[in-house]
Amino acid sequence: MAKKRDENIDEAENLAEKKLVKMIRDGDVEPKTADVHPDMVEDYKKGGWRIAEQ
């Protein structure tokens, strides 16, 4: 039986989230959290972001 479209979207989003890196930054600057693609982590670090503790 084929999956419903919504189930396929949910599955794709779950897979994408597993590959993202949760990052945070301190201070009064918004936003304070971000889900970052692994290739972009070093660029975010240059901007004051750090990897969130898990």
PDB file of N, CA and C in Angstrom:
ATOM      1  N   MET A   1       0.842  -1.174   0.000  1.00  0.00           N
ATOM      2  CA  MET A   1       0.000   0.000   0.000  1.00  0.00           C
ATOM      3  C   MET A   1       0.888   1.239   0.000  1.00  0.00           C
ATOM      4  N   ALA A   2       0.564   2.205  -0.826  1.00  0.00           N
ATOM      5  CA  ALA A   2       1.345   3.432  -0.928  1.00  0.00           C
ATOM      6  C   ALA A   2       1.097   4.341   0.274  1.00  0.00           C
ATOM      7  N   LYS A   3       2.134   5.051   0.664  1.00  0.00           N
ATOM      8  CA  LYS A   3       2.001   5.993   1.770  1.00  0.00           C
ATOM      9  C   LYS A   3       1.250   7.231   1.302  1.00  0.00           C
ATOM     10  N   LYS A   4       0.571   7.861   2.233  1.00  0.00           N
ATOM     11  CA  LYS A   4      -0.082   9.120   1.926  1.00  0.00           C
ATOM     12  C   LYS A   4       0.976  10.198   1.757  1.00  0.00           C
ATOM     13  N   ARG A   5       0.628  11.228   1.014  1.00  0.00           N
ATOM     14  CA  ARG A   5       1.562  12.316   0.745  1.00  0.00           C
ATOM     15  C   ARG A   5       2.081  12.936   2.042  1.00  0.00           C
ATOM     16  N   ASP A   6       1.222  13.184   3.014  1.00  0.00           N
ATOM     17  CA  ASP A   6       1.642  13.790   4.283  1.00  0.00           C
ATOM     18  C   ASP A   6       2.653  12.914   5.015  1.00  0.00           C
ATOM     19  N   GLU A   7       2.486  11.603   4.960  1.00  0.00           N
ATOM     20  CA  GLU A   7       3.438  10.698   5.602  1.00  0.00           C
ATOM     21  C   GLU A   7       4.795  10.773   4.915  1.00  0.00           C
ATOM     22  N   ASN A   8       4.790  10.905   3.590  1.00  0.00           N
ATOM     23  CA  ASN A   8       6.041  11.025   2.848  1.00  0.00           C
ATOM     24  C   ASN A   8       6.759  12.327   3.197  1.00  0.00           C
ATOM     25  N   ILE A   9       6.007  13.391   3.340  1.00  0.00           N
ATOM     26  CA  ILE A   9       6.596  14.687   3.696  1.00  0.00           C
ATOM     27  C   ILE A   9       7.185  14.609   5.099  1.00  0.00           C
ATOM     28  N   ASP A  10       6.440  14.034   6.032  1.00  0.00           N
ATOM     29  CA  ASP A  10       6.932  13.884   7.402  1.00  0.00           C
ATOM     30  C   ASP A  10       8.219  13.074   7.429  1.00  0.00           C
ATOM     31  N   GLU A  11       8.271  12.006   6.668  1.00  0.00           N
ATOM     32  CA  GLU A  11       9.460  11.157   6.641  1.00  0.00           C
ATOM     33  C   GLU A  11      10.653  11.933   6.087  1.00  0.00           C
ATOM     34  N   ALA A  12      10.445  12.701   5.029  1.00  0.00           N
ATOM     35  CA  ALA A  12      11.519  13.495   4.432  1.00  0.00           C
ATOM     36  C   ALA A  12      12.010  14.561   5.398  1.00  0.00           C
ATOM     37  N   GLU A  13      11.095  15.210   6.111  1.00  0.00           N
ATOM     38  CA  GLU A  13      11.490  16.229   7.083  1.00  0.00           C
ATOM     39  C   GLU A  13      12.274  15.611   8.233  1.00  0.00           C
ATOM     40  N   ASN A  14      11.880  14.447   8.687  1.00  0.00           N
ATOM     41  CA  ASN A  14      12.600  13.767   9.762  1.00  0.00           C
ATOM     42  C   ASN A  14      14.018  13.420   9.334  1.00  0.00           C
ATOM     43  N   LEU A  15      14.189  12.963   8.109  1.00  0.00           N
ATOM     44  CA  LEU A  15      15.520  12.640   7.605  1.00  0.00           C
ATOM     45  C   LEU A  15      16.376  13.892   7.510  1.00  0.00           C
ATOM     46  N   ALA A  16      15.795  14.987   7.047  1.00  0.00           N
ATOM     47  CA  ALA A  16      16.535  16.240   6.914  1.00  0.00           C
ATOM     48  C   ALA A  16      16.957  16.765   8.281  1.00  0.00           C
ATOM     49  N   GLU A  17      16.084  16.661   9.280  1.00  0.00           N
ATOM     50  CA  GLU A  17      16.404  17.147  10.614  1.00  0.00           C
ATOM     51  C   GLU A  17      17.557  16.376  11.236  1.00  0.00           C
ATOM     52  N   LYS A  18      17.681  15.120  10.949  1.00  0.00           N
ATOM     53  CA  LYS A  18      18.758  14.311  11.517  1.00  0.00           C
ATOM     54  C   LYS A  18      20.117  14.776  11.019  1.00  0.00           C
ATOM     55  N   LYS A  19      20.159  15.378   9.865  1.00  0.00           N
ATOM     56  CA  LYS A  19      21.413  15.804   9.285  1.00  0.00           C
ATOM     57  C   LYS A  19      21.809  17.217   9.701  1.00  0.00           C
ATOM     58  N   LEU A  20      20.884  17.971  10.297  1.00  0.00           N
ATOM     59  CA  LEU A  20      21.169  19.338  10.683  1.00  0.00           C
ATOM     60  C   LEU A  20      21.852  19.388  12.045  1.00  0.00           C
ATOM     61  N   VAL A  21      22.628  20.441  12.255  1.00  0.00           N
ATOM     62  CA  VAL A  21      23.341  20.643  13.508  1.00  0.00           C
ATOM     63  C   VAL A  21      22.645  21.774  14.263  1.00  0.00           C
ATOM     64  N   LYS A  22      22.257  21.517  15.510  1.00  0.00           N
ATOM     65  CA  LYS A  22      21.612  22.540  16.339  1.00  0.00           C
ATOM     66  C   LYS A  22      22.692  23.467  16.871  1.00  0.00           C
ATOM     67  N   MET A  23      22.538  24.779  16.597  1.00  0.00           N
ATOM     68  CA  MET A  23      23.517  25.756  17.049  1.00  0.00           C
ATOM     69  C   MET A  23      22.811  26.865  17.822  1.00  0.00           C
ATOM     70  N   ILE A  24      23.569  27.508  18.723  1.00  0.00           N
ATOM     71  CA  ILE A  24      23.034  28.600  19.524  1.00  0.00           C
ATOM     72  C   ILE A  24      24.036  29.745  19.576  1.00  0.00           C
ATOM     73  N   ARG A  25      23.539  30.925  19.971  1.00  0.00           N
ATOM     74  CA  ARG A  25      24.436  32.048  20.232  1.00  0.00           C
ATOM     75  C   ARG A  25      23.877  32.837  21.404  1.00  0.00           C
ATOM     76  N   ASP A  26      24.776  33.475  22.113  1.00  0.00           N
ATOM     77  CA  ASP A  26      24.417  34.238  23.305  1.00  0.00           C
ATOM     78  C   ASP A  26      24.271  35.716  22.955  1.00  0.00           C
ATOM     79  N   GLY A  27      23.705  36.444  23.882  1.00  0.00           N
ATOM     80  CA  GLY A  27      23.584  37.883  23.705  1.00  0.00           C
ATOM     81  C   GLY A  27      22.166  38.297  23.372  1.00  0.00           C
ATOM     82  N   ASP A  28      22.044  39.552  22.947  1.00  0.00           N
ATOM     83  CA  ASP A  28      20.732  40.124  22.646  1.00  0.00           C
ATOM     84  C   ASP A  28      20.352  39.995  21.178  1.00  0.00           C
ATOM     85  N   VAL A  29      21.160  39.311  20.409  1.00  0.00           N
ATOM     86  CA  VAL A  29      20.930  39.182  18.970  1.00  0.00           C
ATOM     87  C   VAL A  29      19.922  38.065  18.710  1.00  0.00           C
ATOM     88  N   GLU A  30      18.950  38.332  17.858  1.00  0.00           N
ATOM     89  CA  GLU A  30      17.986  37.311  17.442  1.00  0.00           C
ATOM     90  C   GLU A  30      18.342  36.861  16.036  1.00  0.00           C
ATOM     91  N   PRO A  31      18.135  35.653  15.640  1.00  0.00           N
ATOM     92  CA  PRO A  31      17.662  34.532  16.443  1.00  0.00           C
ATOM     93  C   PRO A  31      18.785  33.959  17.301  1.00  0.00           C
ATOM     94  N   LYS A  32      18.404  33.211  18.320  1.00  0.00           N
ATOM     95  CA  LYS A  32      19.380  32.631  19.244  1.00  0.00           C
ATOM     96  C   LYS A  32      19.643  31.154  18.967  1.00  0.00           C
ATOM     97  N   THR A  33      18.804  30.524  18.138  1.00  0.00           N
ATOM     98  CA  THR A  33      18.999  29.116  17.783  1.00  0.00           C
ATOM     99  C   THR A  33      18.882  28.961  16.277  1.00  0.00           C
ATOM    100  N   ALA A  34      19.548  27.940  15.760  1.00  0.00           N
ATOM    101  CA  ALA A  34      19.477  27.663  14.326  1.00  0.00           C
ATOM    102  C   ALA A  34      19.752  26.184  14.081  1.00  0.00           C
ATOM    103  N   ASP A  35      19.095  25.635  13.085  1.00  0.00           N
ATOM    104  CA  ASP A  35      19.373  24.287  12.604  1.00  0.00           C
ATOM    105  C   ASP A  35      20.206  24.458  11.342  1.00  0.00           C
ATOM    106  N   VAL A  36      21.462  24.055  11.425  1.00  0.00           N
ATOM    107  CA  VAL A  36      22.444  24.387  10.398  1.00  0.00           C
ATOM    108  C   VAL A  36      22.898  23.146   9.641  1.00  0.00           C
ATOM    109  N   HIS A  37      23.002  23.267   8.343  1.00  0.00           N
ATOM    110  CA  HIS A  37      23.546  22.188   7.520  1.00  0.00           C
ATOM    111  C   HIS A  37      25.009  21.990   7.916  1.00  0.00           C
ATOM    112  N   PRO A  38      25.461  20.745   8.027  1.00  0.00           N
ATOM    113  CA  PRO A  38      26.840  20.475   8.461  1.00  0.00           C
ATOM    114  C   PRO A  38      27.913  21.238   7.676  1.00  0.00           C
ATOM    115  N   ASP A  39      27.684  21.487   6.403  1.00  0.00           N
ATOM    116  CA  ASP A  39      28.659  22.209   5.592  1.00  0.00           C
ATOM    117  C   ASP A  39      28.782  23.678   5.995  1.00  0.00           C
ATOM    118  N   MET A  40      27.797  24.204   6.708  1.00  0.00           N
ATOM    119  CA  MET A  40      27.768  25.614   7.067  1.00  0.00           C
ATOM    120  C   MET A  40      28.198  25.897   8.511  1.00  0.00           C
ATOM    121  N   VAL A  41      28.481  24.846   9.281  1.00  0.00           N
ATOM    122  CA  VAL A  41      28.798  25.008  10.702  1.00  0.00           C
ATOM    123  C   VAL A  41      29.986  25.949  10.913  1.00  0.00           C
ATOM    124  N   GLU A  42      31.057  25.787  10.183  1.00  0.00           N
ATOM    125  CA  GLU A  42      32.246  26.631  10.366  1.00  0.00           C
ATOM    126  C   GLU A  42      31.939  28.094  10.059  1.00  0.00           C
ATOM    127  N   ASP A  43      31.116  28.350   9.064  1.00  0.00           N
ATOM    128  CA  ASP A  43      30.726  29.725   8.755  1.00  0.00           C
ATOM    129  C   ASP A  43      29.929  30.329   9.899  1.00  0.00           C
ATOM    130  N   TYR A  44      29.028  29.554  10.477  1.00  0.00           N
ATOM    131  CA  TYR A  44      28.239  30.046  11.607  1.00  0.00           C
ATOM    132  C   TYR A  44      29.126  30.319  12.815  1.00  0.00           C
ATOM    133  N   LYS A  45      30.123  29.468  13.049  1.00  0.00           N
ATOM    134  CA  LYS A  45      31.038  29.677  14.180  1.00  0.00           C
ATOM    135  C   LYS A  45      31.745  31.018  14.055  1.00  0.00           C
ATOM    136  N   LYS A  46      32.106  31.411  12.852  1.00  0.00           N
ATOM    137  CA  LYS A  46      32.757  32.706  12.622  1.00  0.00           C
ATOM    138  C   LYS A  46      31.839  33.856  13.005  1.00  0.00           C
ATOM    139  N   GLY A  47      30.540  33.622  12.968  1.00  0.00           N
ATOM    140  CA  GLY A  47      29.561  34.646  13.315  1.00  0.00           C
ATOM    141  C   GLY A  47      29.128  34.607  14.772  1.00  0.00           C
ATOM    142  N   GLY A  48      29.849  33.867  15.615  1.00  0.00           N
ATOM    143  CA  GLY A  48      29.548  33.848  17.032  1.00  0.00           C
ATOM    144  C   GLY A  48      28.642  32.712  17.486  1.00  0.00           C
ATOM    145  N   TRP A  49      28.334  31.792  16.604  1.00  0.00           N
ATOM    146  CA  TRP A  49      27.492  30.661  16.951  1.00  0.00           C
ATOM    147  C   TRP A  49      28.350  29.536  17.511  1.00  0.00           C
ATOM    148  N   ARG A  50      27.721  28.659  18.304  1.00  0.00           N
ATOM    149  CA  ARG A  50      28.400  27.459  18.782  1.00  0.00           C
ATOM    150  C   ARG A  50      27.412  26.301  18.730  1.00  0.00           C
ATOM    151  N   ILE A  51      27.949  25.102  18.682  1.00  0.00           N
ATOM    152  CA  ILE A  51      27.116  23.914  18.633  1.00  0.00           C
ATOM    153  C   ILE A  51      26.456  23.734  19.995  1.00  0.00           C
ATOM    154  N   ALA A  52      25.156  23.516  19.993  1.00  0.00           N
ATOM    155  CA  ALA A  52      24.407  23.337  21.240  1.00  0.00           C
ATOM    156  C   ALA A  52      24.780  22.016  21.888  1.00  0.00           C
ATOM    157  N   GLU A  53      24.874  22.030  23.208  1.00  0.00           N
ATOM    158  CA  GLU A  53      25.131  20.802  23.943  1.00  0.00           C
ATOM    159  C   GLU A  53      23.885  19.922  23.867  1.00  0.00           C
ATOM    160  N   GLN A  54      24.108  18.634  23.745  1.00  0.00           N
ATOM    161  CA  GLN A  54      22.964  17.729  23.611  1.00  0.00           C
ATOM    162  C   GLN A  54      22.701  16.956  24.851  1.00  0.00           C
TER     163      GLN A  54
END
